[in-house]
Amino acid sequence: MKQALLLLLLLTILVLAASAFPTERRAQPGQEKHASWDDVNVVAHGLLQLGQGLKEHVDKTKAQMRDVNAKLKAFNGTVAELQKRQQEQEEAFKKTRGAEVAERGTVAEEVRAEMEGVKQQSEDINSRMDRLEEKVDQVLVGPKPDSNYSDHSGVPFMQRLLAAQNRRIDELVEKIKQQQSKLEKQSVHLQALQDKFAHKRVKSHRRRDEETALRGEAEHSKDTSDLPRDCHDLFARGQRASGVYTIQPESSEPFNVLCEMTSDAGWTVIQKRRDGSQKFNQLWESYKRGFGSLNGEFWLGLENIRSLSTQGQYVLQVELTDRAGEQQTTRYQFNLDGEDKEFAVHLEQEAPPGAQEDIFTTGASGVSFSTVDRDNDLAADANCAELLSGGWWFSSCGESNLNGRYPRRPSELRKRRHGRQEMFWTRKGQDKSLKTTLLKITPTSRKQ
């Protein structure tokens, strides 16, 4: 419909242009008519080229507008996710004591006010984009047939209008970038609040337990004495559904774990990665106590893993999937030292040599855990955690790092610079970029 209106507009211009040509030569009517129509054809050809150029420019502008709209939708999705996280934070704050509630309530109010401002700016941008689309549609449809339009006034006006719209689109894109930067800062701020809240909650629990011990009360031990020691203990009691459960290893406080139930055992998952939703470039204290969501990506925590491994002999199963879809599974006899020995890991591969390809090298047995702020690796001239990202049992920055950055398919330049910072393991002399990882343990002697 818009193309038909544009053709009608061009024909109208042709007729007006034909009628406007002067007649200077009266002596030879045939020759005068022939020359005038040649001029008309030249003008018509020029107008057609001008119209085609305007149409292509308008189509390009609409494509840019659709791209901006797509970015706005993604931006709105991020805003909604931040609002959800902020609501969850508010619910957590309500459960703390009075002084802590007042402090966190103030911070939450500031975050809410900033989120409202971001939401209002997003609505303003959407409204401006709607008005921009209306103006472009008006340009495509063109002026009404009875309007006073000529090639000397309309075309420059349309060019100026399109140039103004292009400038406006550039301004909107710049504002979107600024909003994205603000959202990233808010995300960092929320992460800091969550870490602070988790630290205060741990301190509160410890203080409560100390007070209970001083009063000589034994009710807590009675209430938790029936909790399973690990996920296989749940399996032995008849539980066959995988999911999140509360366990209490010997000489440990209760904590939640993700249990994976198979046909013959219950496995306690200690690490899981699948989509890059959780940041694993954490410091020593975070790796010590654990982080992430048991329903998504997480690290169970070195202290929790240590409390499980002290109950007897355990088997560690490592399940990997690389970007090509190839899977690798390896089992080890597993034991973990305490913090006094930097949570050193001791491994012995179950299968005979050659039956499975080693994911942890034999040199990893007895290697201490290392993070960027606690350099315990065996490399004398480098900090492996700083070089490769994350926290891991680094020997000499070599054969594997299952806690590195999640791969995001970067550009070739970025890949050359940061490829080794992604989670990887070395197979047949080549680094394999990983898509999913799963680490889980179960007792060596499994009684059903």
Protein backbone atom coordinates (compact mmCIF):
# COMPACT_ATOMS: atom_id res chain seq x y z
CA MET A 1 0.00 0.00 0.00
CA LYS A 2 2.84 2.35 0.89
CA GLN A 3 4.64 1.61 -2.39
CA ALA A 4 1.47 2.35 -4.39
CA LEU A 5 1.08 5.70 -2.63
CA LEU A 6 4.72 6.50 -3.35
CA LEU A 7 4.25 5.74 -7.09
CA LEU A 8 1.12 7.92 -7.15
CA LEU A 9 3.12 10.72 -5.58
CA LEU A 10 5.85 10.40 -8.25
CA LEU A 11 3.31 10.39 -11.11
CA THR A 12 1.73 13.54 -9.70
CA ILE A 13 5.15 15.18 -9.62
CA LEU A 14 5.75 14.09 -13.24
CA VAL A 15 2.51 15.71 -14.41
CA LEU A 16 3.28 18.92 -12.54
CA ALA A 17 6.80 18.97 -13.93
CA ALA A 18 5.55 18.40 -17.50
CA SER A 19 3.08 21.27 -17.26
CA ALA A 20 5.70 23.63 -15.89
CA PHE A 21 8.11 23.48 -18.88
CA PRO A 22 8.07 26.72 -21.01
CA THR A 23 7.48 26.77 -24.80
CA GLU A 24 10.05 28.91 -26.50
CA ARG A 25 10.02 27.62 -30.08
CA ARG A 26 6.70 28.19 -31.89
CA ALA A 27 7.91 27.73 -35.46
CA GLN A 28 8.31 23.92 -35.36
CA PRO A 29 5.61 22.33 -33.19
CA GLY A 30 6.71 18.70 -33.78
CA GLN A 31 10.29 19.32 -32.68
CA GLU A 32 9.22 21.30 -29.61
CA LYS A 33 6.99 18.44 -28.37
CA HIS A 34 9.69 15.88 -28.88
CA ALA A 35 12.28 17.90 -26.90
CA SER A 36 9.88 18.56 -24.02
CA TRP A 37 9.13 14.87 -23.55
CA ASP A 38 12.86 14.11 -23.44
CA ASP A 39 13.26 16.59 -20.66
CA VAL A 40 10.29 15.06 -18.86
CA ASN A 41 11.87 11.59 -19.14
CA VAL A 42 15.11 12.86 -17.65
CA VAL A 43 13.27 14.49 -14.76
CA ALA A 44 11.15 11.37 -14.24
CA HIS A 45 14.22 9.15 -14.17
CA GLY A 46 15.86 11.41 -11.61
CA LEU A 47 12.75 11.46 -9.43
CA LEU A 48 12.48 7.67 -9.57
CA GLN A 49 16.08 7.31 -8.43
CA LEU A 50 15.45 9.85 -5.67
CA GLY A 51 12.33 7.98 -4.55
CA GLN A 52 14.15 4.64 -4.55
CA GLY A 53 16.98 6.15 -2.48
CA LEU A 54 14.51 7.60 0.03
CA LYS A 55 12.71 4.26 0.30
CA GLU A 56 15.96 2.37 0.98
CA HIS A 57 16.96 4.94 3.59
CA VAL A 58 13.57 4.67 5.33
CA ASP A 59 13.75 0.84 5.28
CA LYS A 60 17.20 1.00 6.82
CA THR A 61 15.88 3.40 9.49
CA LYS A 62 13.02 1.03 10.34
CA ALA A 63 15.46 -1.88 10.63
CA GLN A 64 17.54 0.17 13.05
CA MET A 65 14.39 0.97 15.02
CA ARG A 66 13.50 -2.71 15.24
CA ASP A 67 16.98 -3.43 16.54
CA VAL A 68 16.58 -0.69 19.17
CA ASN A 69 13.21 -2.16 20.15
CA ALA A 70 14.81 -5.59 20.58
CA LYS A 71 17.46 -4.08 22.82
CA LEU A 72 14.74 -2.31 24.81
CA LYS A 73 12.92 -5.60 25.34
CA ALA A 74 16.11 -7.21 26.60
CA PHE A 75 16.66 -4.17 28.79
CA ASN A 76 13.12 -4.47 30.21
CA GLY A 77 13.78 -8.15 30.92
CA THR A 78 16.90 -7.21 32.87
CA VAL A 79 14.93 -4.61 34.83
CA ALA A 80 12.30 -7.22 35.69
CA GLU A 81 15.00 -9.64 36.85
CA LEU A 82 16.55 -6.95 39.07
CA GLN A 83 13.12 -6.20 40.54
CA LYS A 84 12.66 -9.87 41.31
CA ARG A 85 16.05 -10.07 42.96
CA GLN A 86 15.30 -6.92 44.92
CA GLN A 87 12.01 -8.42 46.18
CA GLU A 88 13.82 -11.57 47.25
CA GLN A 89 16.35 -9.41 49.07
CA GLU A 90 13.55 -7.56 50.88
CA GLU A 91 11.98 -10.84 52.03
CA ALA A 92 15.33 -11.99 53.38
CA PHE A 93 15.85 -8.69 55.18
CA LYS A 94 12.53 -9.05 57.02
CA LYS A 95 13.81 -12.17 58.82
CA THR A 96 16.78 -10.43 60.49
CA ARG A 97 16.83 -8.57 63.75
CA GLY A 98 15.50 -5.05 64.27
CA ALA A 99 18.70 -3.05 63.83
CA GLU A 100 19.73 -5.06 60.76
CA VAL A 101 16.23 -4.70 59.27
CA ALA A 102 16.39 -0.91 59.61
CA GLU A 103 19.83 -0.75 57.98
CA ARG A 104 18.99 -3.05 55.06
CA GLY A 105 15.53 -1.46 54.67
CA THR A 106 17.20 1.88 53.96
CA VAL A 107 19.47 0.32 51.34
CA ALA A 108 16.55 -1.57 49.77
CA GLU A 109 14.55 1.68 49.58
CA GLU A 110 17.40 3.36 47.71
CA VAL A 111 17.63 0.42 45.31
CA ARG A 112 13.84 0.52 44.78
CA ALA A 113 13.95 4.25 44.05
CA GLU A 114 16.74 3.75 41.53
CA MET A 115 14.84 0.89 39.90
CA GLU A 116 11.72 3.07 39.60
CA GLY A 117 13.83 5.74 37.92
CA VAL A 118 15.24 3.19 35.48
CA LYS A 119 11.74 1.86 34.76
CA GLN A 120 10.43 5.40 34.12
CA GLN A 121 13.31 6.11 31.74
CA SER A 122 12.54 2.85 29.91
CA GLU A 123 8.90 3.88 29.51
CA ASP A 124 9.97 7.30 28.19
CA ILE A 125 12.23 5.66 25.63
CA ASN A 126 9.41 3.34 24.52
CA SER A 127 7.07 6.32 24.13
CA ARG A 128 9.63 8.19 22.07
CA MET A 129 10.19 5.17 19.86
CA ASP A 130 6.43 4.94 19.20
CA ARG A 131 6.35 8.59 18.13
CA LEU A 132 9.38 8.01 15.94
CA GLU A 133 7.64 5.11 14.17
CA GLU A 134 4.59 7.29 13.53
CA LYS A 135 6.74 9.97 11.93
CA VAL A 136 8.52 7.45 9.71
CA ASP A 137 5.15 5.99 8.66
CA GLN A 138 4.02 9.49 7.70
CA VAL A 139 7.13 9.90 5.56
CA LEU A 140 6.46 6.57 3.83
CA VAL A 141 2.80 7.40 3.11
CA GLY A 142 3.67 10.88 1.82
CA PRO A 143 1.54 14.03 1.70
CA LYS A 144 -2.09 14.02 0.67
CA PRO A 145 -2.88 14.42 -3.08
CA ASP A 146 -4.33 17.88 -2.58
CA SER A 147 -1.33 19.20 -0.67
CA ASN A 148 1.03 21.74 -2.23
CA TYR A 149 4.08 19.51 -2.81
CA SER A 150 6.93 19.93 -5.28
CA ASP A 151 10.31 18.35 -5.83
CA HIS A 152 11.93 21.64 -4.78
CA SER A 153 10.47 21.70 -1.22
CA GLY A 154 9.35 18.15 -0.23
CA VAL A 155 12.55 16.20 -0.90
CA PRO A 156 14.88 18.39 1.19
CA PHE A 157 12.32 18.34 3.97
CA MET A 158 12.23 14.54 3.94
CA GLN A 159 16.02 14.39 3.95
CA ARG A 160 16.19 16.70 6.94
CA LEU A 161 13.54 14.68 8.74
CA LEU A 162 15.39 11.41 8.16
CA ALA A 163 18.68 12.95 9.28
CA ALA A 164 16.98 14.19 12.47
CA GLN A 165 15.52 10.74 13.10
CA ASN A 166 18.96 9.14 12.65
CA ARG A 167 20.41 11.51 15.20
CA ARG A 168 17.56 10.69 17.56
CA ILE A 169 18.17 6.96 17.16
CA ASP A 170 21.86 7.45 17.96
CA GLU A 171 20.88 9.35 21.11
CA LEU A 172 18.51 6.55 22.15
CA VAL A 173 21.21 3.92 21.62
CA GLU A 174 23.60 5.95 23.76
CA LYS A 175 20.98 6.23 26.52
CA ILE A 176 20.44 2.46 26.40
CA LYS A 177 24.18 1.93 26.87
CA GLN A 178 24.10 4.26 29.87
CA GLN A 179 21.15 2.37 31.36
CA GLN A 180 22.94 -0.94 30.86
CA SER A 181 25.95 0.45 32.69
CA LYS A 182 23.71 1.54 35.57
CA LEU A 183 22.11 -1.90 35.70
CA GLU A 184 25.51 -3.58 35.88
CA LYS A 185 26.45 -1.32 38.79
CA GLN A 186 23.16 -2.18 40.52
CA SER A 187 23.87 -5.88 40.01
CA VAL A 188 27.28 -5.51 41.65
CA HIS A 189 25.66 -3.57 44.49
CA LEU A 190 23.03 -6.27 45.02
CA GLN A 191 25.70 -8.98 45.01
CA ALA A 192 27.59 -7.07 47.70
CA LEU A 193 24.41 -6.79 49.76
CA GLN A 194 23.77 -10.52 49.44
CA ASP A 195 27.30 -11.34 50.56
CA LYS A 196 26.96 -8.98 53.49
CA PHE A 197 23.62 -10.45 54.49
CA ALA A 198 24.91 -14.03 54.22
CA HIS A 199 27.92 -13.15 56.40
CA LYS A 200 25.70 -11.56 59.05
CA ARG A 201 23.34 -14.55 58.97
CA VAL A 202 26.25 -16.95 59.57
CA LYS A 203 27.46 -14.81 62.48
CA SER A 204 23.92 -14.72 63.90
CA HIS A 205 23.62 -18.51 63.73
CA ARG A 206 26.98 -18.96 65.39
CA ARG A 207 26.05 -16.52 68.17
CA ARG A 208 22.75 -18.33 68.72
CA ASP A 209 24.49 -21.71 68.93
CA GLU A 210 27.01 -20.35 71.42
CA GLU A 211 24.23 -18.99 73.62
CA THR A 212 22.42 -22.33 73.47
CA ALA A 213 25.58 -24.19 74.47
CA LEU A 214 26.16 -21.85 77.42
CA ARG A 215 22.64 -22.49 78.74
CA GLY A 216 23.26 -26.23 78.56
CA GLU A 217 20.26 -26.85 76.30
CA ALA A 218 20.29 -30.09 74.30
CA GLU A 219 17.06 -29.59 72.35
CA HIS A 220 18.87 -28.63 69.16
CA SER A 221 20.80 -31.90 69.04
CA LYS A 222 17.60 -33.83 69.66
CA ASP A 223 15.82 -32.07 66.80
CA THR A 224 18.61 -32.69 64.30
CA SER A 225 19.81 -36.10 65.44
CA ASP A 226 17.58 -37.81 62.87
CA LEU A 227 18.96 -35.87 59.86
CA PRO A 228 20.78 -37.97 57.23
CA ARG A 229 24.59 -37.89 57.10
CA ASP A 230 24.66 -37.46 53.31
CA CYS A 231 22.53 -38.14 50.23
CA HIS A 232 23.32 -41.86 50.22
CA ASP A 233 22.02 -42.07 53.79
CA LEU A 234 18.73 -40.69 52.39
CA PHE A 235 18.88 -43.33 49.64
CA ALA A 236 19.37 -46.07 52.23
CA ARG A 237 16.26 -44.83 54.06
CA GLY A 238 14.21 -45.33 50.88
CA GLN A 239 14.31 -41.87 49.30
CA ARG A 240 14.52 -42.15 45.49
CA ALA A 241 13.65 -38.61 44.32
CA SER A 242 16.47 -36.25 43.39
CA GLY A 243 16.26 -32.75 44.84
CA VAL A 244 17.39 -30.41 47.62
CA TYR A 245 17.57 -31.91 51.14
CA THR A 246 18.96 -30.97 54.56
CA ILE A 247 21.77 -33.17 55.87
CA GLN A 248 24.03 -33.15 58.93
CA PRO A 249 27.42 -34.85 58.65
CA GLU A 250 29.13 -36.00 61.82
CA SER A 251 30.48 -33.12 63.96
CA SER A 252 28.90 -30.56 61.63
CA GLU A 253 25.99 -28.14 61.53
CA PRO A 254 23.06 -29.00 59.20
CA PHE A 255 23.16 -27.58 55.68
CA ASN A 256 21.26 -28.02 52.41
CA VAL A 257 22.60 -30.08 49.52
CA LEU A 258 21.49 -31.18 46.05
CA CYS A 259 21.01 -34.96 45.95
CA GLU A 260 21.13 -36.94 42.72
CA MET A 261 19.52 -40.36 43.18
CA THR A 262 20.53 -43.15 40.79
CA SER A 263 19.44 -46.77 40.66
CA ASP A 264 22.13 -47.91 43.11
CA ALA A 265 23.25 -44.88 45.15
CA GLY A 266 22.57 -41.38 46.41
CA TRP A 267 25.13 -38.80 45.24
CA THR A 268 25.85 -35.49 47.00
CA VAL A 269 26.58 -32.83 44.34
CA ILE A 270 29.46 -30.52 45.33
CA GLN A 271 29.76 -28.47 42.12
CA LYS A 272 27.45 -27.83 39.15
CA ARG A 273 27.81 -25.58 36.09
CA ARG A 274 25.52 -25.47 33.05
CA ASP A 275 24.76 -21.94 31.77
CA GLY A 276 27.13 -19.36 33.27
CA SER A 277 24.45 -17.80 35.51
CA GLN A 278 26.75 -17.88 38.57
CA LYS A 279 30.07 -16.04 38.79
CA PHE A 280 32.86 -18.41 39.92
CA ASN A 281 35.68 -15.84 40.08
CA GLN A 282 35.40 -15.65 43.89
CA LEU A 283 37.81 -15.17 46.79
CA TRP A 284 38.97 -17.68 49.43
CA GLU A 285 36.16 -17.04 51.95
CA SER A 286 33.47 -17.56 49.29
CA TYR A 287 34.98 -20.86 48.18
CA LYS A 288 35.33 -21.85 51.82
CA ARG A 289 31.64 -21.38 52.74
CA GLY A 290 30.08 -21.98 49.29
CA PHE A 291 28.05 -19.85 46.88
CA GLY A 292 25.39 -20.01 44.18
CA SER A 293 21.94 -21.64 44.06
CA LEU A 294 21.30 -25.36 44.56
CA ASN A 295 18.61 -25.09 41.88
CA GLY A 296 21.09 -23.64 39.38
CA GLU A 297 24.88 -23.29 39.45
CA PHE A 298 26.78 -23.56 42.75
CA TRP A 299 29.87 -24.51 44.73
CA LEU A 300 28.96 -26.41 47.93
CA GLY A 301 31.83 -24.98 49.96
CA LEU A 302 35.17 -26.45 51.03
CA GLU A 303 34.14 -26.68 54.70
CA ASN A 304 30.96 -28.61 53.82
CA ILE A 305 32.85 -30.92 51.45
CA ARG A 306 35.47 -31.49 54.16
CA SER A 307 32.79 -32.39 56.75
CA LEU A 308 31.41 -35.01 54.34
CA SER A 309 34.79 -36.55 53.50
CA THR A 310 35.74 -37.02 57.18
CA GLN A 311 32.91 -39.57 57.61
CA GLY A 312 34.81 -42.28 55.72
CA GLN A 313 36.03 -43.19 52.26
CA TYR A 314 34.23 -41.39 49.43
CA VAL A 315 34.15 -41.68 45.64
CA LEU A 316 34.32 -38.51 43.52
CA GLN A 317 32.68 -38.69 40.07
CA VAL A 318 33.51 -35.94 37.55
CA GLU A 319 31.13 -35.55 34.58
CA LEU A 320 32.08 -33.14 31.77
CA THR A 321 30.55 -32.08 28.45
CA ASP A 322 32.54 -30.00 25.98
CA ARG A 323 31.28 -27.56 23.34
CA ALA A 324 31.17 -30.30 20.72
CA GLY A 325 28.81 -32.38 22.90
CA GLU A 326 31.44 -34.98 23.80
CA GLN A 327 31.09 -36.36 27.34
CA GLN A 328 33.77 -37.56 29.75
CA THR A 329 33.26 -39.28 33.13
CA THR A 330 35.98 -40.27 35.61
CA ARG A 331 35.88 -41.63 39.18
CA TYR A 332 38.43 -41.17 41.97
CA GLN A 333 38.93 -42.30 45.56
CA PHE A 334 38.53 -38.93 47.26
CA ASN A 335 39.62 -37.26 50.48
CA LEU A 336 39.96 -33.60 51.48
CA ASP A 337 42.14 -32.04 54.19
CA GLY A 338 41.01 -29.16 56.39
CA GLU A 339 41.80 -25.46 56.16
CA ASP A 340 44.96 -25.90 58.22
CA LYS A 341 46.34 -27.77 55.17
CA GLU A 342 44.76 -25.43 52.61
CA PHE A 343 42.01 -27.99 51.82
CA ALA A 344 44.49 -30.20 49.95
CA VAL A 345 42.81 -32.88 47.81
CA HIS A 346 43.91 -36.54 47.69
CA LEU A 347 42.82 -38.58 44.67
CA GLU A 348 43.32 -42.07 43.33
CA GLN A 349 41.70 -43.02 40.02
CA GLU A 350 39.37 -46.01 40.38
CA ALA A 351 39.73 -47.54 36.90
CA PRO A 352 43.01 -49.06 35.70
CA PRO A 353 45.32 -46.70 33.78
CA GLY A 354 44.14 -46.22 30.21
CA ALA A 355 40.52 -47.23 30.90
CA GLN A 356 39.53 -43.62 31.52
CA GLU A 357 41.27 -40.43 30.59
CA ASP A 358 42.46 -38.57 33.66
CA ILE A 359 40.79 -35.22 34.35
CA PHE A 360 42.82 -34.46 37.48
CA THR A 361 46.44 -35.29 36.81
CA THR A 362 48.16 -37.67 39.22
CA GLY A 363 50.14 -34.71 40.43
CA ALA A 364 46.96 -33.15 41.75
CA SER A 365 46.87 -35.60 44.69
CA GLY A 366 47.85 -33.63 47.74
CA VAL A 367 47.69 -30.26 45.93
CA SER A 368 46.28 -27.37 47.97
CA PHE A 369 43.28 -25.29 46.95
CA SER A 370 44.21 -21.87 45.59
CA THR A 371 42.41 -18.59 44.89
CA VAL A 372 43.55 -15.18 43.67
CA ASP A 373 43.88 -13.93 47.29
CA ARG A 374 45.35 -17.20 48.65
CA ASP A 375 48.12 -18.40 46.31
CA ASN A 376 48.80 -22.06 47.26
CA ASP A 377 49.64 -23.47 43.81
CA LEU A 378 52.94 -25.11 42.82
CA ALA A 379 53.92 -22.47 40.23
CA ALA A 380 56.84 -20.51 41.61
CA ASP A 381 56.60 -17.54 39.23
CA ALA A 382 52.82 -17.15 38.76
CA ASN A 383 49.49 -16.98 40.58
CA CYS A 384 47.45 -19.61 38.72
CA ALA A 385 44.10 -18.34 40.04
CA GLU A 386 44.90 -14.84 38.76
CA LEU A 387 46.15 -16.21 35.44
CA LEU A 388 43.31 -18.71 34.84
CA SER A 389 40.43 -17.23 36.94
CA GLY A 390 38.39 -18.88 39.71
CA GLY A 391 39.58 -21.15 42.54
CA TRP A 392 40.91 -24.68 41.99
CA TRP A 393 43.47 -27.30 42.96
CA PHE A 394 46.12 -25.85 40.65
CA SER A 395 49.37 -27.73 40.37
CA SER A 396 51.36 -25.56 37.95
CA CYS A 397 48.57 -23.76 36.04
CA GLY A 398 48.21 -26.78 33.81
CA GLU A 399 45.76 -29.49 32.96
CA SER A 400 42.31 -28.46 34.26
CA ASN A 401 40.25 -25.69 35.85
CA LEU A 402 36.57 -26.55 36.25
CA ASN A 403 35.90 -23.28 38.13
CA GLY A 404 37.13 -20.89 35.41
CA ARG A 405 34.97 -18.43 33.51
CA TYR A 406 31.99 -19.83 31.64
CA PRO A 407 32.66 -19.61 27.86
CA ARG A 408 30.60 -16.95 26.05
CA ARG A 409 31.76 -17.52 22.43
CA PRO A 410 33.90 -14.32 22.35
CA SER A 411 35.51 -12.74 19.34
CA GLU A 412 38.72 -14.27 18.01
CA LEU A 413 40.83 -11.49 19.54
CA ARG A 414 39.26 -11.93 22.96
CA LYS A 415 39.51 -15.70 22.64
CA ARG A 416 43.24 -15.46 22.04
CA ARG A 417 43.62 -13.25 25.10
CA HIS A 418 41.35 -15.01 27.60
CA GLY A 419 40.80 -18.54 26.26
CA ARG A 420 42.72 -20.15 29.15
CA GLN A 421 40.57 -18.27 31.67
CA GLU A 422 37.54 -20.34 30.64
CA MET A 423 36.76 -23.60 32.45
CA PHE A 424 38.71 -26.32 30.63
CA TRP A 425 40.55 -29.64 30.85
CA THR A 426 43.36 -30.87 28.65
CA ARG A 427 42.79 -33.96 26.55
CA LYS A 428 45.41 -35.45 24.24
CA GLY A 429 47.48 -32.30 24.53
CA GLN A 430 44.64 -29.92 23.60
CA ASP A 431 42.54 -27.65 25.84
CA LYS A 432 38.83 -28.55 25.74
CA SER A 433 36.42 -25.68 26.43
CA LEU A 434 33.61 -27.06 28.59
CA LYS A 435 29.85 -26.50 28.44
CA THR A 436 28.75 -28.37 31.60
CA THR A 437 30.48 -29.78 34.68
CA LEU A 438 29.17 -31.88 37.57
CA LEU A 439 31.14 -33.04 40.63
CA LYS A 440 29.42 -35.42 43.06
CA ILE A 441 30.48 -37.80 45.87
CA THR A 442 29.10 -40.92 47.52
CA PRO A 443 30.53 -43.34 50.14
CA THR A 444 32.84 -46.05 48.82
CA SER A 445 30.98 -48.75 50.76
CA ARG A 446 27.38 -48.26 49.70
CA LYS A 447 24.81 -50.27 51.62
CA GLN A 448 21.24 -50.14 50.32
